[in-house]
């Protein structure tokens, strides 16, 4: 999370809310003088996740290895852009969403910061693009699941 915290420190008025926050993260927040919002030392309860995500201006999930793959989609589904790292397949088939949400260098605070700034400015456009994109993505995901299940258990009997 350190590159994300450093990037947030460049955004005037930014407040960080996070879960599973340990001592090192708190030290980083202090070091970069980032204002703290709601910080939890545990994961957010599943039923509380949509409301928590929706209460943000932007969510960051910019990692070198995907550890919470549904969070960006959940965030977008409640109307909040979510930046992510390049380790997932998300938005590879949509040039606009890919260029706005997938940070190519998740270890670069400067790069994350430029994506934060642009996402905040284009927030409404990103959400509208996602709303247009999601039905096709969901259909393709369902088809992929059906194909997987057919391969795993064989073709259904007539």
C-alpha atoms as a PDB file:
ATOM      1  CA  UNK A   1       0.000   0.000   0.000  1.00  0.00           C
ATOM      2  CA  UNK A   2       2.981   2.337   0.338  1.00  0.00           C
ATOM      3  CA  UNK A   3       3.061   3.575  -3.249  1.00  0.00           C
ATOM      4  CA  UNK A   4      -0.678   4.254  -3.027  1.00  0.00           C
ATOM      5  CA  UNK A   5      -0.236   6.210   0.215  1.00  0.00           C
ATOM      6  CA  UNK A   6       2.600   8.225  -1.294  1.00  0.00           C
ATOM      7  CA  UNK A   7       0.418   8.950  -4.332  1.00  0.00           C
ATOM      8  CA  UNK A   8      -2.516  10.031  -2.165  1.00  0.00           C
ATOM      9  CA  UNK A   9      -0.237  12.449  -0.340  1.00  0.00           C
ATOM     10  CA  UNK A  10      -0.052  14.508  -3.548  1.00  0.00           C
ATOM     11  CA  UNK A  11      -3.830  15.011  -3.683  1.00  0.00           C
ATOM     12  CA  UNK A  12      -4.929  18.125  -1.763  1.00  0.00           C
ATOM     13  CA  UNK A  13      -7.564  17.342   0.853  1.00  0.00           C
ATOM     14  CA  UNK A  14      -7.319  13.569   0.412  1.00  0.00           C
ATOM     15  CA  UNK A  15      -8.432  11.374   3.276  1.00  0.00           C
ATOM     16  CA  UNK A  16      -7.507   7.688   3.449  1.00  0.00           C
ATOM     17  CA  UNK A  17      -9.972   5.082   4.658  1.00  0.00           C
ATOM     18  CA  UNK A  18      -8.739   1.506   4.807  1.00  0.00           C
ATOM     19  CA  UNK A  19      -9.152  -1.902   6.339  1.00  0.00           C
ATOM     20  CA  UNK A  20      -6.563  -4.342   7.631  1.00  0.00           C
ATOM     21  CA  UNK A  21      -4.274  -1.462   8.601  1.00  0.00           C
ATOM     22  CA  UNK A  22      -1.158  -2.377  10.518  1.00  0.00           C
ATOM     23  CA  UNK A  23       1.522  -0.335  12.239  1.00  0.00           C
ATOM     24  CA  UNK A  24       3.666   0.079   9.091  1.00  0.00           C
ATOM     25  CA  UNK A  25       0.759   1.554   7.163  1.00  0.00           C
ATOM     26  CA  UNK A  26       0.058   3.969  10.001  1.00  0.00           C
ATOM     27  CA  UNK A  27       3.732   4.979   9.976  1.00  0.00           C
ATOM     28  CA  UNK A  28       3.512   5.631   6.230  1.00  0.00           C
ATOM     29  CA  UNK A  29       0.404   7.768   6.700  1.00  0.00           C
ATOM     30  CA  UNK A  30       2.279   9.786   9.330  1.00  0.00           C
ATOM     31  CA  UNK A  31       5.417  10.055   7.194  1.00  0.00           C
ATOM     32  CA  UNK A  32       3.542  11.385   4.148  1.00  0.00           C
ATOM     33  CA  UNK A  33       1.194  13.419   6.339  1.00  0.00           C
ATOM     34  CA  UNK A  34      -1.932  11.874   4.869  1.00  0.00           C
ATOM     35  CA  UNK A  35      -5.166  12.571   6.690  1.00  0.00           C
ATOM     36  CA  UNK A  36      -6.728   9.508   8.221  1.00  0.00           C
ATOM     37  CA  UNK A  37     -10.352   8.671   7.889  1.00  0.00           C
ATOM     38  CA  UNK A  38     -11.838   5.404   9.037  1.00  0.00           C
ATOM     39  CA  UNK A  39      -9.036   2.881   9.544  1.00  0.00           C
ATOM     40  CA  UNK A  40      -9.756  -0.662  10.662  1.00  0.00           C
ATOM     41  CA  UNK A  41      -7.278  -3.279  11.776  1.00  0.00           C
ATOM     42  CA  UNK A  42      -9.582  -5.983  10.359  1.00  0.00           C
ATOM     43  CA  UNK A  43     -11.328  -6.687   7.075  1.00  0.00           C
ATOM     44  CA  UNK A  44     -14.652  -5.019   6.375  1.00  0.00           C
ATOM     45  CA  UNK A  45     -17.659  -7.280   6.855  1.00  0.00           C
ATOM     46  CA  UNK A  46     -19.007  -8.528   3.535  1.00  0.00           C
ATOM     47  CA  UNK A  47     -22.471  -7.007   4.042  1.00  0.00           C
ATOM     48  CA  UNK A  48     -20.919  -3.586   4.773  1.00  0.00           C
ATOM     49  CA  UNK A  49     -18.652  -3.535   1.721  1.00  0.00           C
ATOM     50  CA  UNK A  50     -21.009  -1.941  -0.867  1.00  0.00           C
ATOM     51  CA  UNK A  51     -21.895   0.979   1.407  1.00  0.00           C
ATOM     52  CA  UNK A  52     -18.266   1.533   2.382  1.00  0.00           C
ATOM     53  CA  UNK A  53     -17.124   1.516  -1.240  1.00  0.00           C
ATOM     54  CA  UNK A  54     -19.949   3.855  -2.266  1.00  0.00           C
ATOM     55  CA  UNK A  55     -18.960   6.399   0.385  1.00  0.00           C
ATOM     56  CA  UNK A  56     -15.630   7.111  -1.325  1.00  0.00           C
ATOM     57  CA  UNK A  57     -14.719   9.421  -4.216  1.00  0.00           C
ATOM     58  CA  UNK A  58     -12.247   6.860  -5.562  1.00  0.00           C
ATOM     59  CA  UNK A  59     -11.031   3.456  -4.460  1.00  0.00           C
ATOM     60  CA  UNK A  60      -7.483   2.209  -4.857  1.00  0.00           C
ATOM     61  CA  UNK A  61      -6.598  -1.422  -5.389  1.00  0.00           C
ATOM     62  CA  UNK A  62      -3.338  -0.859  -7.245  1.00  0.00           C
ATOM     63  CA  UNK A  63      -1.256  -3.930  -6.505  1.00  0.00           C
ATOM     64  CA  UNK A  64       1.504  -6.007  -8.035  1.00  0.00           C
ATOM     65  CA  UNK A  65      -0.463  -9.179  -7.319  1.00  0.00           C
ATOM     66  CA  UNK A  66      -4.230  -9.254  -7.276  1.00  0.00           C
ATOM     67  CA  UNK A  67      -5.399  -9.943  -3.752  1.00  0.00           C
ATOM     68  CA  UNK A  68      -9.004  -8.713  -3.894  1.00  0.00           C
ATOM     69  CA  UNK A  69     -10.113  -9.177  -7.499  1.00  0.00           C
ATOM     70  CA  UNK A  70     -13.779  -8.323  -6.990  1.00  0.00           C
ATOM     71  CA  UNK A  71     -13.229  -5.015  -5.189  1.00  0.00           C
ATOM     72  CA  UNK A  72     -12.743  -2.919  -8.360  1.00  0.00           C
ATOM     73  CA  UNK A  73     -15.908  -4.322  -9.932  1.00  0.00           C
ATOM     74  CA  UNK A  74     -17.860  -3.915  -6.698  1.00  0.00           C
ATOM     75  CA  UNK A  75     -16.673  -0.331  -6.430  1.00  0.00           C
ATOM     76  CA  UNK A  76     -17.638   0.499  -9.994  1.00  0.00           C
ATOM     77  CA  UNK A  77     -21.021  -1.177  -9.533  1.00  0.00           C
ATOM     78  CA  UNK A  78     -21.863   1.289  -6.732  1.00  0.00           C
ATOM     79  CA  UNK A  79     -20.746   4.267  -8.822  1.00  0.00           C
ATOM     80  CA  UNK A  80     -17.178   4.783  -7.645  1.00  0.00           C
ATOM     81  CA  UNK A  81     -14.119   4.415  -9.899  1.00  0.00           C
ATOM     82  CA  UNK A  82     -11.476   2.004  -8.662  1.00  0.00           C
ATOM     83  CA  UNK A  83      -7.894   2.001  -9.832  1.00  0.00           C
ATOM     84  CA  UNK A  84      -6.171  -1.355 -10.083  1.00  0.00           C
ATOM     85  CA  UNK A  85      -2.855  -2.813 -11.121  1.00  0.00           C
ATOM     86  CA  UNK A  86      -2.091  -4.562 -14.406  1.00  0.00           C
ATOM     87  CA  UNK A  87      -2.198  -8.105 -13.026  1.00  0.00           C
ATOM     88  CA  UNK A  88      -5.822  -8.839 -13.893  1.00  0.00           C
ATOM     89  CA  UNK A  89      -7.608  -9.102 -17.224  1.00  0.00           C
ATOM     90  CA  UNK A  90     -10.082  -6.360 -16.379  1.00  0.00           C
ATOM     91  CA  UNK A  91     -10.868  -3.918 -19.156  1.00  0.00           C
ATOM     92  CA  UNK A  92      -8.360  -5.333 -21.643  1.00  0.00           C
ATOM     93  CA  UNK A  93     -11.229  -5.244 -24.134  1.00  0.00           C
ATOM     94  CA  UNK A  94     -12.152  -1.600 -23.497  1.00  0.00           C
ATOM     95  CA  UNK A  95      -9.530   0.992 -24.387  1.00  0.00           C
ATOM     96  CA  UNK A  96     -11.100   3.841 -22.428  1.00  0.00           C
ATOM     97  CA  UNK A  97     -11.662   1.977 -19.149  1.00  0.00           C
ATOM     98  CA  UNK A  98      -8.274   0.296 -19.403  1.00  0.00           C
ATOM     99  CA  UNK A  99      -6.497   3.602 -19.951  1.00  0.00           C
ATOM    100  CA  UNK A 100      -8.298   5.231 -17.021  1.00  0.00           C
ATOM    101  CA  UNK A 101      -8.391   2.468 -14.411  1.00  0.00           C
ATOM    102  CA  UNK A 102      -5.438   0.123 -14.932  1.00  0.00           C
ATOM    103  CA  UNK A 103      -2.221   1.627 -13.587  1.00  0.00           C
ATOM    104  CA  UNK A 104       0.661   0.101 -15.564  1.00  0.00           C
ATOM    105  CA  UNK A 105       3.239   0.721 -12.830  1.00  0.00           C
ATOM    106  CA  UNK A 106       1.722  -0.174  -9.453  1.00  0.00           C
ATOM    107  CA  UNK A 107       5.004   0.512  -7.692  1.00  0.00           C
ATOM    108  CA  UNK A 108       5.191   4.104  -8.971  1.00  0.00           C
ATOM    109  CA  UNK A 109       3.575   6.681  -6.696  1.00  0.00           C
ATOM    110  CA  UNK A 110       3.948   9.282  -9.436  1.00  0.00           C
ATOM    111  CA  UNK A 111       2.079   7.100 -11.962  1.00  0.00           C
ATOM    112  CA  UNK A 112      -0.654   6.214  -9.462  1.00  0.00           C
ATOM    113  CA  UNK A 113      -0.986   9.914  -8.640  1.00  0.00           C
ATOM    114  CA  UNK A 114      -1.527  10.853 -12.286  1.00  0.00           C
ATOM    115  CA  UNK A 115      -4.229   8.182 -12.562  1.00  0.00           C
ATOM    116  CA  UNK A 116      -5.874   9.446  -9.352  1.00  0.00           C
ATOM    117  CA  UNK A 117      -5.996  13.008 -10.666  1.00  0.00           C
ATOM    118  CA  UNK A 118      -7.458  11.977 -14.021  1.00  0.00           C
ATOM    119  CA  UNK A 119      -9.988   9.565 -12.472  1.00  0.00           C
ATOM    120  CA  UNK A 120     -11.279  12.272 -10.140  1.00  0.00           C
ATOM    121  CA  UNK A 121     -11.714  14.687 -13.045  1.00  0.00           C
ATOM    122  CA  UNK A 122     -13.336  12.066 -15.301  1.00  0.00           C
ATOM    123  CA  UNK A 123     -15.276  10.293 -12.546  1.00  0.00           C
ATOM    124  CA  UNK A 124     -18.713  10.637 -14.189  1.00  0.00           C
ATOM    125  CA  UNK A 125     -17.437   9.607 -17.615  1.00  0.00           C
ATOM    126  CA  UNK A 126     -15.714   6.543 -16.162  1.00  0.00           C
ATOM    127  CA  UNK A 127     -18.879   5.431 -14.363  1.00  0.00           C
ATOM    128  CA  UNK A 128     -21.007   5.920 -17.483  1.00  0.00           C
ATOM    129  CA  UNK A 129     -18.495   3.941 -19.547  1.00  0.00           C
ATOM    130  CA  UNK A 130     -18.572   1.164 -16.966  1.00  0.00           C
ATOM    131  CA  UNK A 131     -22.381   1.093 -16.952  1.00  0.00           C
ATOM    132  CA  UNK A 132     -22.291   0.555 -20.714  1.00  0.00           C
ATOM    133  CA  UNK A 133     -19.521  -2.023 -20.444  1.00  0.00           C
ATOM    134  CA  UNK A 134     -20.841  -4.132 -17.522  1.00  0.00           C
ATOM    135  CA  UNK A 135     -23.752  -5.960 -19.216  1.00  0.00           C
ATOM    136  CA  UNK A 136     -21.498  -7.338 -21.961  1.00  0.00           C
ATOM    137  CA  UNK A 137     -18.801  -8.241 -19.455  1.00  0.00           C
ATOM    138  CA  UNK A 138     -21.317 -10.030 -17.242  1.00  0.00           C
ATOM    139  CA  UNK A 139     -22.668 -11.949 -20.243  1.00  0.00           C
ATOM    140  CA  UNK A 140     -19.165 -13.016 -21.285  1.00  0.00           C
ATOM    141  CA  UNK A 141     -18.325 -14.034 -17.712  1.00  0.00           C
ATOM    142  CA  UNK A 142     -21.458 -16.199 -17.582  1.00  0.00           C
ATOM    143  CA  UNK A 143     -20.571 -17.818 -20.889  1.00  0.00           C
ATOM    144  CA  UNK A 144     -17.046 -18.495 -19.645  1.00  0.00           C
ATOM    145  CA  UNK A 145     -18.426 -20.131 -16.507  1.00  0.00           C
ATOM    146  CA  UNK A 146     -20.764 -22.315 -18.566  1.00  0.00           C
ATOM    147  CA  UNK A 147     -17.878 -23.419 -20.804  1.00  0.00           C
ATOM    148  CA  UNK A 148     -15.745 -24.217 -17.760  1.00  0.00           C
ATOM    149  CA  UNK A 149     -18.500 -26.265 -16.166  1.00  0.00           C
ATOM    150  CA  UNK A 150     -19.108 -28.167 -19.396  1.00  0.00           C
ATOM    151  CA  UNK A 151     -15.407 -29.064 -19.562  1.00  0.00           C
ATOM    152  CA  UNK A 152     -15.273 -29.959 -15.868  1.00  0.00           C
ATOM    153  CA  UNK A 153     -18.314 -32.182 -15.735  1.00  0.00           C
ATOM    154  CA  UNK A 154     -18.757 -33.045 -19.425  1.00  0.00           C
ATOM    155  CA  UNK A 155     -21.547 -32.160 -21.748  1.00  0.00           C
ATOM    156  CA  UNK A 156     -25.019 -32.316 -20.247  1.00  0.00           C
ATOM    157  CA  UNK A 157     -27.039 -35.400 -21.099  1.00  0.00           C
ATOM    158  CA  UNK A 158     -29.887 -34.983 -23.622  1.00  0.00           C
END
